[in-house]
Amino acid sequence: MRALLLPLALGSLAVTAPLPVSVAGGPASTTAVAVPDGLRTQLLTRIASVPGAEVGLWFQDLVTGETLGLRDTLTFHAASTMKVAVMVELMRRADAGRVDLDTRIRLGNDFHSIVDGSVFHLRKEDDSDPALYDRIGAPISLRELNHRMIVRSSNLATNALLEYLGPDSVATTLRTQGFAAVTVRRGVEDTKAFEAGRNNTVSARGLGELLAAIETGRLTSQWATTHMRWTLLRQEFNEEIPAGLPPGVRVAHKTGWITGTTHDAAIVYAPGRAPFVLVILTRSIPERAVAQQLIADLARITFDATRPAR
């Protein structure tokens, strides 16, 4: 399934996005609630309704720090959620003045396997951002590559950025910043690495802690934090966590899917309550629509159970 691809107005992509005070449409709320005892049972009951489903879930209130986890340390194939870590590495370098986001590089489609250095190529037909393939050979800015990597989940943009940054650098940043449960070893569609078991991996808690660090500004300065939030808020694939939440709730998130595996990792901003992180990872669900509905339902259950009392 592919999202409607909207034109990019990257010429005016100034970092003017709001901070949390207005991201949900009004003054920031510090209203936080305790996680109710019955929530875990509700979530487990819904998960059990999908035969064979494996789910990792992490909830964290960003004011109180209160958390709820279900198999939250279980390791999953990261799919496209690994692109969040690539964005973090790029923005940390921009923050430190080591790169300029408006630097333009030649867009190529020749990538090297981490197994033996052999060249592989991505297929336009397998990418959720096929339009970018028409620009192979032309210059493109790091800013636009980052935007397409997150908003449209472009595999081509991801691999171009990873070739520029180096996967080892992304891995080092994750490790030194305390995110050992999120690993980035390679680019997308490195078949030899996949067959060798050298995959990018995440846990629900690890990915949730990375999103919390982004939102609270632990990893970058205010402008870089704002830019990452701004980008995540423009996600075009909204069939999972956002689909389970009420109208008016803003969701800064990154999805990911491969065969049998569907994920969504989000920072949620709802009027009248504190922001919270919600990560839901799934596997062993052959039909993507079933996994998407499960994630939406788990998001709805979590949101309703933790809603502040009126």
Protein backbone atom coordinates (compact mmCIF):
# COMPACT_ATOMS: atom_id res chain seq x y z
CA MET A 1 0.00 0.00 0.00
CA ARG A 2 1.33 3.42 -0.93
CA ALA A 3 0.34 6.80 0.41
CA LEU A 4 -0.74 9.67 -1.80
CA LEU A 5 2.49 11.41 -2.75
CA LEU A 6 2.13 15.14 -2.25
CA PRO A 7 4.49 17.67 -3.85
CA LEU A 8 7.39 18.82 -1.70
CA ALA A 9 7.88 22.51 -1.10
CA LEU A 10 11.46 22.07 -0.03
CA GLY A 11 12.50 25.48 -1.17
CA SER A 12 10.64 26.86 1.85
CA LEU A 13 11.58 24.10 4.26
CA ALA A 14 12.68 26.48 6.98
CA VAL A 15 12.70 25.08 10.48
CA THR A 16 9.72 27.00 11.79
CA ALA A 17 7.72 24.08 13.18
CA PRO A 18 6.11 24.54 16.59
CA LEU A 19 7.45 23.20 19.81
CA PRO A 20 5.12 21.04 21.94
CA VAL A 21 3.31 24.15 23.23
CA SER A 22 1.25 24.30 20.05
CA VAL A 23 1.71 20.97 18.33
CA ALA A 24 -1.63 19.67 19.60
CA GLY A 25 -3.46 22.86 18.74
CA GLY A 26 -3.35 24.65 22.09
CA PRO A 27 -1.29 25.34 25.18
CA ALA A 28 0.95 22.52 26.33
CA SER A 29 -0.65 20.34 28.99
CA THR A 30 1.15 18.88 31.95
CA THR A 31 -1.83 16.69 32.78
CA ALA A 32 -0.54 13.14 33.27
CA VAL A 33 -2.27 10.03 34.49
CA ALA A 34 -1.29 6.75 36.08
CA VAL A 35 -1.40 3.63 33.94
CA PRO A 36 -4.52 1.73 35.10
CA ASP A 37 -4.11 -1.82 36.35
CA GLY A 38 -6.57 -3.24 33.83
CA LEU A 39 -4.82 -1.87 30.75
CA ARG A 40 -2.36 -4.74 30.46
CA THR A 41 -5.22 -7.28 30.46
CA GLN A 42 -7.15 -5.35 27.81
CA LEU A 43 -4.12 -5.21 25.55
CA LEU A 44 -3.27 -8.88 25.98
CA THR A 45 -6.85 -9.88 25.24
CA ARG A 46 -6.83 -7.97 21.94
CA ILE A 47 -3.43 -9.41 20.97
CA ALA A 48 -4.65 -12.93 21.71
CA SER A 49 -7.48 -12.44 19.20
CA VAL A 50 -4.93 -12.63 16.36
CA PRO A 51 -3.62 -16.23 16.21
CA GLY A 52 0.16 -16.46 16.29
CA ALA A 53 0.72 -12.72 16.61
CA GLU A 54 3.87 -11.56 18.41
CA VAL A 55 3.68 -8.02 19.75
CA GLY A 56 6.07 -5.74 21.57
CA LEU A 57 4.58 -2.58 23.07
CA TRP A 58 5.98 0.37 25.00
CA PHE A 59 4.07 3.32 26.49
CA GLN A 60 5.75 6.23 28.27
CA ASP A 61 4.20 9.39 29.68
CA LEU A 62 6.71 12.15 28.94
CA VAL A 63 5.83 14.20 32.01
CA THR A 64 5.65 11.61 34.79
CA GLY A 65 7.89 9.04 33.10
CA GLU A 66 5.32 6.34 33.92
CA THR A 67 5.62 3.36 31.58
CA LEU A 68 3.90 0.18 30.49
CA GLY A 69 5.62 -2.56 28.52
CA LEU A 70 4.48 -5.80 26.92
CA ARG A 71 7.37 -7.94 25.70
CA ASP A 72 9.09 -4.60 25.34
CA THR A 73 12.63 -6.00 25.21
CA LEU A 74 11.84 -8.60 22.52
CA THR A 75 13.97 -8.05 19.42
CA PHE A 76 12.24 -7.45 16.08
CA HIS A 77 13.46 -6.80 12.56
CA ALA A 78 13.46 -3.00 12.46
CA ALA A 79 12.03 -2.63 8.94
CA SER A 80 11.78 1.10 8.17
CA THR A 81 11.74 2.23 11.80
CA MET A 82 15.55 2.20 11.55
CA LYS A 83 15.24 5.36 9.49
CA VAL A 84 14.64 7.32 12.71
CA ALA A 85 18.19 6.48 13.80
CA VAL A 86 19.58 7.64 10.45
CA MET A 87 17.76 10.95 10.88
CA VAL A 88 19.19 11.34 14.39
CA GLU A 89 22.74 10.86 13.10
CA LEU A 90 22.23 13.38 10.30
CA MET A 91 20.71 16.00 12.60
CA ARG A 92 23.40 15.57 15.25
CA ARG A 93 26.01 16.24 12.59
CA ALA A 94 24.11 19.27 11.33
CA ASP A 95 23.76 20.46 14.92
CA ALA A 96 27.51 20.22 15.42
CA GLY A 97 28.21 22.09 12.17
CA ARG A 98 29.75 19.00 10.56
CA VAL A 99 27.24 18.95 7.70
CA ASP A 100 24.98 21.47 6.02
CA LEU A 101 21.50 20.12 5.32
CA ASP A 102 21.47 22.02 2.04
CA THR A 103 24.59 20.23 0.79
CA ARG A 104 23.72 18.50 -2.48
CA ILE A 105 25.04 15.09 -3.41
CA ARG A 106 24.62 13.04 -6.57
CA LEU A 107 21.72 10.62 -6.21
CA GLY A 108 22.86 7.13 -7.16
CA ASN A 109 21.45 3.64 -7.07
CA ASP A 110 24.63 1.64 -6.60
CA PHE A 111 25.02 0.40 -3.05
CA HIS A 112 27.45 -1.98 -1.40
CA SER A 113 26.60 -5.05 0.64
CA ILE A 114 28.13 -5.14 4.09
CA VAL A 115 28.85 -8.85 3.53
CA ASP A 116 31.33 -8.67 0.63
CA GLY A 117 31.14 -5.17 -0.84
CA SER A 118 29.26 -6.36 -3.91
CA VAL A 119 27.00 -3.84 -5.62
CA PHE A 120 23.23 -4.06 -5.38
CA HIS A 121 20.43 -1.82 -6.64
CA LEU A 122 17.00 -0.85 -5.38
CA ARG A 123 13.86 -1.36 -7.45
CA LYS A 124 11.46 1.49 -8.10
CA GLU A 125 8.55 -0.95 -7.93
CA ASP A 126 9.43 -1.96 -4.36
CA ASP A 127 9.75 1.57 -2.98
CA SER A 128 6.99 3.66 -1.41
CA ASP A 129 8.55 6.75 -3.05
CA PRO A 130 8.95 5.71 -6.71
CA ALA A 131 9.10 9.27 -8.02
CA LEU A 132 12.59 9.74 -6.59
CA TYR A 133 14.01 7.18 -9.03
CA ASP A 134 13.37 9.60 -11.90
CA ARG A 135 16.06 11.84 -10.39
CA ILE A 136 18.89 9.29 -10.27
CA GLY A 137 22.09 10.95 -11.45
CA ALA A 138 20.96 14.43 -10.41
CA PRO A 139 22.03 16.39 -7.32
CA ILE A 140 19.76 16.35 -4.27
CA SER A 141 20.08 17.96 -0.86
CA LEU A 142 20.56 16.08 2.39
CA ARG A 143 17.51 17.97 3.66
CA GLU A 144 15.27 16.52 0.97
CA LEU A 145 16.70 13.03 1.36
CA ASN A 146 15.91 13.13 5.07
CA HIS A 147 12.40 14.39 4.40
CA ARG A 148 11.64 11.64 1.89
CA MET A 149 13.24 8.97 4.09
CA ILE A 150 10.88 9.73 6.97
CA VAL A 151 7.73 11.16 5.39
CA ARG A 152 7.51 8.79 2.41
CA SER A 153 9.74 6.05 3.82
CA SER A 154 11.92 6.24 0.71
CA ASN A 155 14.38 3.35 0.57
CA LEU A 156 16.45 5.09 -2.06
CA ALA A 157 16.81 8.21 0.10
CA THR A 158 17.68 6.04 3.10
CA ASN A 159 20.48 4.20 1.34
CA ALA A 160 21.83 7.43 -0.14
CA LEU A 161 22.03 8.96 3.34
CA LEU A 162 23.57 5.81 4.84
CA GLU A 163 26.24 5.77 2.12
CA TYR A 164 26.98 9.41 2.98
CA LEU A 165 26.94 9.03 6.77
CA GLY A 166 28.21 5.45 7.08
CA PRO A 167 26.21 2.79 8.95
CA ASP A 168 29.04 2.38 11.46
CA SER A 169 28.64 6.03 12.47
CA VAL A 170 24.91 5.57 13.03
CA ALA A 171 25.61 2.44 15.08
CA THR A 172 28.24 4.24 17.16
CA THR A 173 25.88 7.10 17.98
CA LEU A 174 23.16 4.67 19.07
CA ARG A 175 25.59 2.77 21.28
CA THR A 176 27.27 5.78 22.88
CA GLN A 177 23.94 7.50 23.55
CA GLY A 178 22.57 4.45 25.34
CA PHE A 179 20.32 2.86 22.74
CA ALA A 180 21.83 -0.61 22.53
CA ALA A 181 18.44 -2.14 21.72
CA VAL A 182 18.31 -0.24 18.41
CA THR A 183 20.85 -1.50 15.89
CA VAL A 184 21.61 -0.21 12.40
CA ARG A 185 24.02 -2.43 10.50
CA ARG A 186 23.13 -1.91 6.87
CA GLY A 187 21.01 -0.22 4.25
CA VAL A 188 17.69 -1.38 2.86
CA GLU A 189 17.43 -4.43 0.57
CA ASP A 190 20.95 -5.72 1.20
CA THR A 191 19.86 -9.26 0.40
CA LYS A 192 23.20 -10.90 1.17
CA ALA A 193 23.23 -9.33 4.63
CA PHE A 194 19.62 -10.37 5.22
CA GLU A 195 20.42 -13.96 4.29
CA ALA A 196 23.44 -13.86 6.61
CA GLY A 197 21.24 -12.65 9.49
CA ARG A 198 22.93 -9.25 9.64
CA ASN A 199 19.81 -7.15 10.08
CA ASN A 200 18.75 -3.89 11.63
CA THR A 201 16.84 -4.61 14.84
CA VAL A 202 14.77 -2.85 17.48
CA SER A 203 12.82 -3.53 20.63
CA ALA A 204 9.67 -1.61 21.54
CA ARG A 205 11.33 -0.15 24.62
CA GLY A 206 14.55 0.73 22.81
CA LEU A 207 12.74 2.53 20.01
CA GLY A 208 10.45 4.23 22.50
CA GLU A 209 13.39 5.51 24.50
CA LEU A 210 14.95 6.88 21.30
CA LEU A 211 11.74 8.78 20.48
CA ALA A 212 11.54 10.09 24.05
CA ALA A 213 15.11 11.36 23.76
CA ILE A 214 14.23 13.12 20.51
CA GLU A 215 11.13 14.78 21.97
CA THR A 216 12.80 15.92 25.20
CA GLY A 217 15.80 17.38 23.36
CA ARG A 218 18.38 15.08 24.92
CA LEU A 219 20.09 14.34 21.60
CA THR A 220 20.18 17.71 19.84
CA SER A 221 19.65 21.42 20.26
CA GLN A 222 16.21 23.01 20.11
CA TRP A 223 16.28 23.77 16.38
CA ALA A 224 17.35 20.22 15.45
CA THR A 225 14.81 18.72 17.85
CA THR A 226 12.11 20.89 16.30
CA HIS A 227 13.17 19.87 12.80
CA MET A 228 12.96 16.15 13.64
CA ARG A 229 9.55 16.59 15.25
CA TRP A 230 8.37 18.63 12.26
CA THR A 231 9.46 15.85 9.91
CA LEU A 232 7.88 13.02 11.91
CA LEU A 233 4.60 14.94 12.09
CA ARG A 234 4.42 14.92 8.29
CA GLN A 235 4.39 11.14 7.98
CA GLU A 236 2.16 10.13 5.05
CA PHE A 237 1.46 6.55 6.19
CA ASN A 238 -1.18 6.83 8.90
CA GLU A 239 -2.99 3.48 8.91
CA GLU A 240 -1.64 2.23 12.25
CA ILE A 241 -1.38 4.27 15.49
CA PRO A 242 -3.04 7.44 14.12
CA ALA A 243 -5.98 5.38 12.84
CA GLY A 244 -6.83 4.37 16.41
CA LEU A 245 -6.78 7.87 17.88
CA PRO A 246 -9.48 10.57 18.01
CA PRO A 247 -9.62 13.47 15.54
CA GLY A 248 -7.42 16.37 16.53
CA VAL A 249 -4.64 14.22 17.97
CA ARG A 250 -1.28 14.92 16.33
CA VAL A 251 1.12 12.03 15.84
CA ALA A 252 4.85 12.32 15.07
CA HIS A 253 5.75 8.83 13.98
CA LYS A 254 7.57 6.37 11.75
CA THR A 255 6.09 3.19 10.37
CA GLY A 256 7.84 0.11 9.05
CA TRP A 257 6.81 -3.07 7.31
CA ILE A 258 8.22 -6.10 5.58
CA THR A 259 6.53 -9.43 4.93
CA GLY A 260 4.70 -10.55 8.08
CA THR A 261 6.05 -7.60 10.09
CA THR A 262 4.32 -4.25 10.70
CA HIS A 263 5.41 -1.54 13.13
CA ASP A 264 4.55 1.98 14.22
CA ALA A 265 6.51 4.16 16.65
CA ALA A 266 5.01 7.44 17.75
CA ILE A 267 5.09 10.54 19.89
CA VAL A 268 1.44 11.46 20.52
CA TYR A 269 0.22 15.01 21.21
CA ALA A 270 -3.40 15.22 22.32
CA PRO A 271 -5.24 18.31 23.56
CA GLY A 272 -5.60 18.36 27.34
CA ARG A 273 -2.92 15.85 28.19
CA ALA A 274 0.83 15.41 28.29
CA PRO A 275 2.67 14.02 25.25
CA PHE A 276 3.39 10.31 25.36
CA VAL A 277 5.39 7.76 23.42
CA LEU A 278 3.71 4.65 22.04
CA VAL A 279 5.58 1.96 20.11
CA ILE A 280 3.85 -1.13 18.76
CA LEU A 281 5.87 -3.79 16.94
CA THR A 282 4.26 -6.87 15.37
CA ARG A 283 5.33 -9.98 13.50
CA SER A 284 3.98 -13.36 12.41
CA ILE A 285 0.87 -11.68 11.00
CA PRO A 286 0.76 -12.54 7.27
CA GLU A 287 -1.96 -10.04 6.30
CA ARG A 288 -0.78 -6.47 6.70
CA ALA A 289 -4.32 -5.14 7.04
CA VAL A 290 -4.85 -7.41 10.06
CA ALA A 291 -1.66 -6.10 11.67
CA GLN A 292 -2.62 -2.51 10.93
CA GLN A 293 -6.02 -2.97 12.58
CA LEU A 294 -4.40 -4.63 15.58
CA ILE A 295 -2.00 -1.72 16.03
CA ALA A 296 -4.82 0.82 15.65
CA ASP A 297 -6.91 -1.03 18.23
CA LEU A 298 -4.03 -1.27 20.70
CA ALA A 299 -3.42 2.46 20.27
CA ARG A 300 -7.10 3.19 20.92
CA ILE A 301 -7.20 0.97 24.01
CA THR A 302 -4.06 2.60 25.40
CA PHE A 303 -5.25 6.12 24.65
CA ASP A 304 -8.69 5.59 26.22
CA ALA A 305 -7.33 3.86 29.33
CA THR A 306 -4.79 6.61 30.02
CA ARG A 307 -7.07 9.55 29.21
CA PRO A 308 -7.14 12.09 32.08
CA ALA A 309 -10.32 12.05 34.15
CA ARG A 310 -12.68 14.86 33.27
